[in-house]
PDB file of all heavy atoms in Angstrom:
ATOM      1  N   ILE A   1      44.463  77.010  13.218  1.00  0.00           N
ATOM      2  CA  ILE A   1      45.153  78.301  13.375  1.00  0.00           C
ATOM      3  C   ILE A   1      44.625  79.050  14.598  1.00  0.00           C
ATOM      4  O   ILE A   1      45.381  79.690  15.329  1.00  0.00           O
ATOM      5  CB  ILE A   1      44.990  79.155  12.098  1.00  0.00           C
ATOM      6  CG1 ILE A   1      45.651  78.429  10.915  1.00  0.00           C
ATOM      7  CG2 ILE A   1      45.596  80.542  12.284  1.00  0.00           C
ATOM      8  CD1 ILE A   1      45.374  79.062   9.568  1.00  0.00           C
ATOM      9  N   GLY A   2      43.315  78.967  14.835  1.00  0.00           N
ATOM     10  CA  GLY A   2      42.716  79.624  15.996  1.00  0.00           C
ATOM     11  C   GLY A   2      43.332  79.129  17.295  1.00  0.00           C
ATOM     12  O   GLY A   2      43.624  79.915  18.202  1.00  0.00           O
ATOM     13  N   GLN A   3      43.543  77.825  17.383  1.00  0.00           N
ATOM     14  CA  GLN A   3      44.170  77.250  18.585  1.00  0.00           C
ATOM     15  C   GLN A   3      45.609  77.749  18.702  1.00  0.00           C
ATOM     16  O   GLN A   3      46.091  78.036  19.798  1.00  0.00           O
ATOM     17  CB  GLN A   3      44.153  75.715  18.520  1.00  0.00           C
ATOM     18  CG  GLN A   3      44.645  75.027  19.790  1.00  0.00           C
ATOM     19  CD  GLN A   3      43.758  75.310  20.992  1.00  0.00           C
ATOM     20  OE1 GLN A   3      42.543  75.128  20.937  1.00  0.00           O
ATOM     21  NE2 GLN A   3      44.361  75.749  22.090  1.00  0.00           N
ATOM     22  N   GLY A   4      46.283  77.855  17.559  1.00  0.00           N
ATOM     23  CA  GLY A   4      47.657  78.364  17.564  1.00  0.00           C
ATOM     24  C   GLY A   4      47.731  79.792  18.087  1.00  0.00           C
ATOM     25  O   GLY A   4      48.626  80.134  18.868  1.00  0.00           O
ATOM     26  N   LEU A   5      46.792  80.620  17.650  1.00  0.00           N
ATOM     27  CA  LEU A   5      46.738  81.997  18.151  1.00  0.00           C
ATOM     28  C   LEU A   5      46.487  82.022  19.660  1.00  0.00           C
ATOM     29  O   LEU A   5      47.151  82.739  20.409  1.00  0.00           O
ATOM     30  CB  LEU A   5      45.634  82.776  17.431  1.00  0.00           C
ATOM     31  CG  LEU A   5      45.932  83.255  16.007  1.00  0.00           C
ATOM     32  CD1 LEU A   5      44.654  83.731  15.330  1.00  0.00           C
ATOM     33  CD2 LEU A   5      46.970  84.384  16.020  1.00  0.00           C
ATOM     34  N   LYS A   6      45.521  81.228  20.065  1.00  0.00           N
ATOM     35  CA  LYS A   6      45.153  81.185  21.493  1.00  0.00           C
ATOM     36  C   LYS A   6      46.347  80.764  22.348  1.00  0.00           C
ATOM     37  O   LYS A   6      46.625  81.364  23.391  1.00  0.00           O
ATOM     38  CB  LYS A   6      43.988  80.204  21.675  1.00  0.00           C
ATOM     39  CG  LYS A   6      43.366  80.222  23.054  1.00  0.00           C
ATOM     40  CD  LYS A   6      42.141  79.310  23.087  1.00  0.00           C
ATOM     41  CE  LYS A   6      41.517  79.286  24.467  1.00  0.00           C
ATOM     42  NZ  LYS A   6      40.326  78.401  24.506  1.00  0.00           N
ATOM     43  N   ASP A   7      47.080  79.739  21.894  1.00  0.00           N
ATOM     44  CA  ASP A   7      48.247  79.248  22.650  1.00  0.00           C
ATOM     45  C   ASP A   7      49.358  80.299  22.690  1.00  0.00           C
ATOM     46  O   ASP A   7      50.001  80.495  23.732  1.00  0.00           O
ATOM     47  CB  ASP A   7      48.780  77.953  22.020  1.00  0.00           C
ATOM     48  CG  ASP A   7      47.809  76.788  22.187  1.00  0.00           C
ATOM     49  OD1 ASP A   7      46.906  76.875  23.044  1.00  0.00           O
ATOM     50  OD2 ASP A   7      47.956  75.786  21.443  1.00  0.00           O
ATOM     51  N   ALA A   8      49.575  80.959  21.564  1.00  0.00           N
ATOM     52  CA  ALA A   8      50.623  81.985  21.513  1.00  0.00           C
ATOM     53  C   ALA A   8      50.280  83.151  22.444  1.00  0.00           C
ATOM     54  O   ALA A   8      51.138  83.646  23.183  1.00  0.00           O
ATOM     55  CB  ALA A   8      50.792  82.487  20.082  1.00  0.00           C
ATOM     56  N   PHE A   9      49.013  83.581  22.407  1.00  0.00           N
ATOM     57  CA  PHE A   9      48.588  84.682  23.273  1.00  0.00           C
ATOM     58  C   PHE A   9      48.772  84.322  24.749  1.00  0.00           C
ATOM     59  O   PHE A   9      49.280  85.123  25.536  1.00  0.00           O
ATOM     60  CB  PHE A   9      47.117  85.039  23.006  1.00  0.00           C
ATOM     61  CG  PHE A   9      46.845  85.596  21.636  1.00  0.00           C
ATOM     62  CD1 PHE A   9      45.540  85.675  21.148  1.00  0.00           C
ATOM     63  CD2 PHE A   9      47.871  86.063  20.828  1.00  0.00           C
ATOM     64  CE1 PHE A   9      45.275  86.202  19.889  1.00  0.00           C
ATOM     65  CE2 PHE A   9      47.623  86.585  19.563  1.00  0.00           C
ATOM     66  CZ  PHE A   9      46.318  86.648  19.091  1.00  0.00           C
ATOM     67  N   ARG A  10      48.369  83.098  25.099  1.00  0.00           N
ATOM     68  CA  ARG A  10      48.491  82.676  26.499  1.00  0.00           C
ATOM     69  C   ARG A  10      49.962  82.623  26.910  1.00  0.00           C
ATOM     70  O   ARG A  10      50.340  83.043  28.009  1.00  0.00           O
ATOM     71  CB  ARG A  10      47.839  81.301  26.694  1.00  0.00           C
ATOM     72  CG  ARG A  10      47.752  80.908  28.185  1.00  0.00           C
ATOM     73  CD  ARG A  10      47.261  79.494  28.392  1.00  0.00           C
ATOM     74  NE  ARG A  10      45.921  79.262  27.845  1.00  0.00           N
ATOM     75  CZ  ARG A  10      45.650  78.422  26.861  1.00  0.00           C
ATOM     76  NH1 ARG A  10      46.620  77.712  26.290  1.00  0.00           N
ATOM     77  NH2 ARG A  10      44.414  78.264  26.430  1.00  0.00           N
ATOM     78  N   GLY A  11      50.821  82.106  26.018  1.00  0.00           N
ATOM     79  CA  GLY A  11      52.248  82.003  26.325  1.00  0.00           C
ATOM     80  C   GLY A  11      52.887  83.366  26.550  1.00  0.00           C
ATOM     81  O   GLY A  11      53.685  83.550  27.473  1.00  0.00           O
ATOM     82  N   ILE A  12      52.527  84.344  25.716  1.00  0.00           N
ATOM     83  CA  ILE A  12      53.093  85.696  25.856  1.00  0.00           C
ATOM     84  C   ILE A  12      52.605  86.347  27.143  1.00  0.00           C
ATOM     85  O   ILE A  12      53.375  87.003  27.858  1.00  0.00           O
ATOM     86  CB  ILE A  12      52.721  86.557  24.619  1.00  0.00           C
ATOM     87  CG1 ILE A  12      53.447  86.020  23.375  1.00  0.00           C
ATOM     88  CG2 ILE A  12      53.054  88.027  24.857  1.00  0.00           C
ATOM     89  CD1 ILE A  12      52.974  86.625  22.070  1.00  0.00           C
ATOM     90  N   GLU A  13      51.332  86.171  27.471  1.00  0.00           N
ATOM     91  CA  GLU A  13      50.794  86.750  28.707  1.00  0.00           C
ATOM     92  C   GLU A  13      51.474  86.154  29.937  1.00  0.00           C
ATOM     93  O   GLU A  13      51.790  86.869  30.897  1.00  0.00           O
ATOM     94  CB  GLU A  13      49.280  86.541  28.779  1.00  0.00           C
ATOM     95  CG  GLU A  13      48.495  87.414  27.806  1.00  0.00           C
ATOM     96  CD  GLU A  13      46.986  87.232  27.923  1.00  0.00           C
ATOM     97  OE1 GLU A  13      46.546  86.523  28.849  1.00  0.00           O
ATOM     98  OE2 GLU A  13      46.240  87.791  27.101  1.00  0.00           O
ATOM     99  N   LEU A  14      51.723  84.839  29.918  1.00  0.00           N
ATOM    100  CA  LEU A  14      52.380  84.187  31.056  1.00  0.00           C
ATOM    101  C   LEU A  14      53.828  84.656  31.208  1.00  0.00           C
ATOM    102  O   LEU A  14      54.339  84.782  32.328  1.00  0.00           O
ATOM    103  CB  LEU A  14      52.347  82.661  30.892  1.00  0.00           C
ATOM    104  CG  LEU A  14      50.981  81.997  31.105  1.00  0.00           C
ATOM    105  CD1 LEU A  14      51.017  80.527  30.704  1.00  0.00           C
ATOM    106  CD2 LEU A  14      50.537  82.138  32.567  1.00  0.00           C
ATOM    107  N   ALA A  15      54.474  84.942  30.081  1.00  0.00           N
ATOM    108  CA  ALA A  15      55.876  85.373  30.124  1.00  0.00           C
ATOM    109  C   ALA A  15      56.018  86.853  30.474  1.00  0.00           C
ATOM    110  O   ALA A  15      57.115  87.311  30.816  1.00  0.00           O
ATOM    111  CB  ALA A  15      56.543  85.090  28.777  1.00  0.00           C
ATOM    112  N   ASN A  16      54.924  87.598  30.394  1.00  0.00           N
ATOM    113  CA  ASN A  16      54.942  89.044  30.657  1.00  0.00           C
ATOM    114  C   ASN A  16      53.786  89.409  31.566  1.00  0.00           C
ATOM    115  O   ASN A  16      52.692  89.739  31.075  1.00  0.00           O
ATOM    116  CB  ASN A  16      54.826  89.827  29.343  1.00  0.00           C
ATOM    117  CG  ASN A  16      55.925  89.504  28.355  1.00  0.00           C
ATOM    118  OD1 ASN A  16      56.978  90.115  28.362  1.00  0.00           O
ATOM    119  ND2 ASN A  16      55.684  88.527  27.481  1.00  0.00           N
ATOM    120  N   PRO A  17      53.975  89.338  32.881  1.00  0.00           N
ATOM    121  CA  PRO A  17      52.867  89.610  33.814  1.00  0.00           C
ATOM    122  C   PRO A  17      52.141  90.928  33.541  1.00  0.00           C
ATOM    123  O   PRO A  17      50.932  91.027  33.743  1.00  0.00           O
ATOM    124  CB  PRO A  17      53.566  89.652  35.178  1.00  0.00           C
ATOM    125  CG  PRO A  17      54.765  88.762  35.002  1.00  0.00           C
ATOM    126  CD  PRO A  17      55.208  88.969  33.584  1.00  0.00           C
ATOM    127  N   LYS A  18      52.853  91.944  33.025  1.00  0.00           N
ATOM    128  CA  LYS A  18      52.202  93.240  32.764  1.00  0.00           C
ATOM    129  C   LYS A  18      51.207  93.155  31.601  1.00  0.00           C
ATOM    130  O   LYS A  18      50.392  94.055  31.406  1.00  0.00           O
ATOM    131  CB  LYS A  18      53.251  94.307  32.455  1.00  0.00           C
ATOM    132  CG  LYS A  18      54.060  94.072  31.201  1.00  0.00           C
ATOM    133  CD  LYS A  18      55.125  95.134  31.013  1.00  0.00           C
ATOM    134  CE  LYS A  18      56.000  94.843  29.785  1.00  0.00           C
ATOM    135  NZ  LYS A  18      57.063  95.833  29.622  1.00  0.00           N
ATOM    136  N   LEU A  19      51.270  92.046  30.828  1.00  0.00           N
ATOM    137  CA  LEU A  19      50.347  91.862  29.705  1.00  0.00           C
ATOM    138  C   LEU A  19      49.200  90.911  30.049  1.00  0.00           C
ATOM    139  O   LEU A  19      48.443  90.516  29.155  1.00  0.00           O
ATOM    140  CB  LEU A  19      51.097  91.317  28.476  1.00  0.00           C
ATOM    141  CG  LEU A  19      52.230  92.164  27.909  1.00  0.00           C
ATOM    142  CD1 LEU A  19      52.758  91.545  26.621  1.00  0.00           C
ATOM    143  CD2 LEU A  19      51.785  93.597  27.641  1.00  0.00           C
ATOM    144  N   HIS A  20      49.050  90.574  31.297  1.00  0.00           N
ATOM    145  CA  HIS A  20      48.006  89.614  31.691  1.00  0.00           C
ATOM    146  C   HIS A  20      46.640  90.033  31.149  1.00  0.00           C
ATOM    147  O   HIS A  20      46.176  91.148  31.382  1.00  0.00           O
ATOM    148  CB  HIS A  20      47.936  89.483  33.214  1.00  0.00           C
ATOM    149  CG  HIS A  20      46.816  88.613  33.683  1.00  0.00           C
ATOM    150  ND1 HIS A  20      46.823  87.246  33.513  1.00  0.00           N
ATOM    151  CD2 HIS A  20      45.633  88.912  34.280  1.00  0.00           C
ATOM    152  CE1 HIS A  20      45.701  86.745  33.997  1.00  0.00           C
ATOM    153  NE2 HIS A  20      44.962  87.739  34.474  1.00  0.00           N
ATOM    154  N   GLY A  21      46.005  89.152  30.379  1.00  0.00           N
ATOM    155  CA  GLY A  21      44.662  89.397  29.855  1.00  0.00           C
ATOM    156  C   GLY A  21      44.591  90.370  28.696  1.00  0.00           C
ATOM    157  O   GLY A  21      43.495  90.696  28.227  1.00  0.00           O
ATOM    158  N   ILE A  22      45.739  90.817  28.179  1.00  0.00           N
ATOM    159  CA  ILE A  22      45.721  91.889  27.173  1.00  0.00           C
ATOM    160  C   ILE A  22      45.148  91.441  25.826  1.00  0.00           C
ATOM    161  O   ILE A  22      44.643  92.250  25.061  1.00  0.00           O
ATOM    162  CB  ILE A  22      47.133  92.486  26.985  1.00  0.00           C
ATOM    163  CG1 ILE A  22      47.017  93.885  26.358  1.00  0.00           C
ATOM    164  CG2 ILE A  22      48.035  91.557  26.157  1.00  0.00           C
ATOM    165  CD1 ILE A  22      48.272  94.716  26.431  1.00  0.00           C
ATOM    166  N   PHE A  23      45.189  90.128  25.542  1.00  0.00           N
ATOM    167  CA  PHE A  23      44.662  89.653  24.265  1.00  0.00           C
ATOM    168  C   PHE A  23      43.163  89.371  24.310  1.00  0.00           C
ATOM    169  O   PHE A  23      42.576  88.935  23.325  1.00  0.00           O
ATOM    170  CB  PHE A  23      45.424  88.399  23.807  1.00  0.00           C
ATOM    171  CG  PHE A  23      46.834  88.684  23.370  1.00  0.00           C
ATOM    172  CD1 PHE A  23      47.901  88.396  24.202  1.00  0.00           C
ATOM    173  CD2 PHE A  23      47.090  89.254  22.144  1.00  0.00           C
ATOM    174  CE1 PHE A  23      49.211  88.666  23.810  1.00  0.00           C
ATOM    175  CE2 PHE A  23      48.389  89.532  21.730  1.00  0.00           C
ATOM    176  CZ  PHE A  23      49.455  89.235  22.567  1.00  0.00           C
ATOM    177  N   GLY A  24      42.543  89.637  25.455  1.00  0.00           N
ATOM    178  CA  GLY A  24      41.093  89.475  25.546  1.00  0.00           C
ATOM    179  C   GLY A  24      40.663  88.023  25.598  1.00  0.00           C
ATOM    180  O   GLY A  24      41.457  87.127  25.893  1.00  0.00           O
ATOM    181  N   ASP A  25      39.395  87.809  25.293  1.00  0.00           N
ATOM    182  CA  ASP A  25      38.834  86.450  25.434  1.00  0.00           C
ATOM    183  C   ASP A  25      38.042  86.046  24.194  1.00  0.00           C
ATOM    184  O   ASP A  25      37.018  85.373  24.291  1.00  0.00           O
ATOM    185  CB  ASP A  25      37.947  86.373  26.685  1.00  0.00           C
ATOM    186  CG  ASP A  25      36.733  87.298  26.598  1.00  0.00           C
ATOM    187  OD1 ASP A  25      36.727  88.185  25.717  1.00  0.00           O
ATOM    188  OD2 ASP A  25      35.803  87.133  27.402  1.00  0.00           O
ATOM    189  N   ALA A  26      38.504  86.443  23.013  1.00  0.00           N
ATOM    190  CA  ALA A  26      37.798  86.087  21.773  1.00  0.00           C
ATOM    191  C   ALA A  26      37.783  84.569  21.584  1.00  0.00           C
ATOM    192  O   ALA A  26      38.688  83.859  22.017  1.00  0.00           O
ATOM    193  CB  ALA A  26      38.474  86.756  20.576  1.00  0.00           C
ATOM    194  N   SER A  27      36.740  84.090  20.911  1.00  0.00           N
ATOM    195  CA  SER A  27      36.598  82.636  20.694  1.00  0.00           C
ATOM    196  C   SER A  27      37.363  82.222  19.442  1.00  0.00           C
ATOM    197  O   SER A  27      36.777  81.940  18.391  1.00  0.00           O
ATOM    198  CB  SER A  27      35.109  82.273  20.577  1.00  0.00           C
ATOM    199  OG  SER A  27      34.486  83.090  19.596  1.00  0.00           O
ATOM    200  N   TRP A  28      38.684  82.194  19.552  1.00  0.00           N
ATOM    201  CA  TRP A  28      39.547  81.900  18.402  1.00  0.00           C
ATOM    202  C   TRP A  28      39.350  80.484  17.854  1.00  0.00           C
ATOM    203  O   TRP A  28      39.613  80.223  16.678  1.00  0.00           O
ATOM    204  CB  TRP A  28      41.013  82.105  18.780  1.00  0.00           C
ATOM    205  CG  TRP A  28      41.336  83.526  19.107  1.00  0.00           C
ATOM    206  CD1 TRP A  28      41.535  84.057  20.346  1.00  0.00           C
ATOM    207  CD2 TRP A  28      41.470  84.617  18.185  1.00  0.00           C
ATOM    208  NE1 TRP A  28      41.773  85.407  20.260  1.00  0.00           N
ATOM    209  CE2 TRP A  28      41.740  85.776  18.943  1.00  0.00           C
ATOM    210  CE3 TRP A  28      41.365  84.718  16.792  1.00  0.00           C
ATOM    211  CZ2 TRP A  28      41.929  87.021  18.357  1.00  0.00           C
ATOM    212  CZ3 TRP A  28      41.556  85.958  16.202  1.00  0.00           C
ATOM    213  CH2 TRP A  28      41.834  87.099  16.979  1.00  0.00           C
ATOM    214  N   THR A  29      38.902  79.579  18.704  1.00  0.00           N
ATOM    215  CA  THR A  29      38.793  78.168  18.270  1.00  0.00           C
ATOM    216  C   THR A  29      37.412  77.828  17.719  1.00  0.00           C
ATOM    217  O   THR A  29      37.148  76.674  17.375  1.00  0.00           O
ATOM    218  CB  THR A  29      39.121  77.221  19.437  1.00  0.00           C
ATOM    219  OG1 THR A  29      38.277  77.546  20.554  1.00  0.00           O
ATOM    220  CG2 THR A  29      40.577  77.368  19.865  1.00  0.00           C
ATOM    221  N   ASN A  30      36.526  78.821  17.617  1.00  0.00           N
ATOM    222  CA  ASN A  30      35.198  78.590  17.056  1.00  0.00           C
ATOM    223  C   ASN A  30      35.304  78.586  15.524  1.00  0.00           C
ATOM    224  O   ASN A  30      35.315  79.629  14.878  1.00  0.00           O
ATOM    225  CB  ASN A  30      34.229  79.687  17.522  1.00  0.00           C
ATOM    226  CG  ASN A  30      32.813  79.474  17.017  1.00  0.00           C
ATOM    227  OD1 ASN A  30      32.583  78.745  16.054  1.00  0.00           O
ATOM    228  ND2 ASN A  30      31.863  80.131  17.661  1.00  0.00           N
TER     229      ASN A  30
END
């Protein structure tokens, strides 16, 4: 699930330049 969150966050940021980096850098896959 952590990887799923990470992938979703990255996909949304790439699709919305104004949201770049907005989900932070938490270690979701740990």
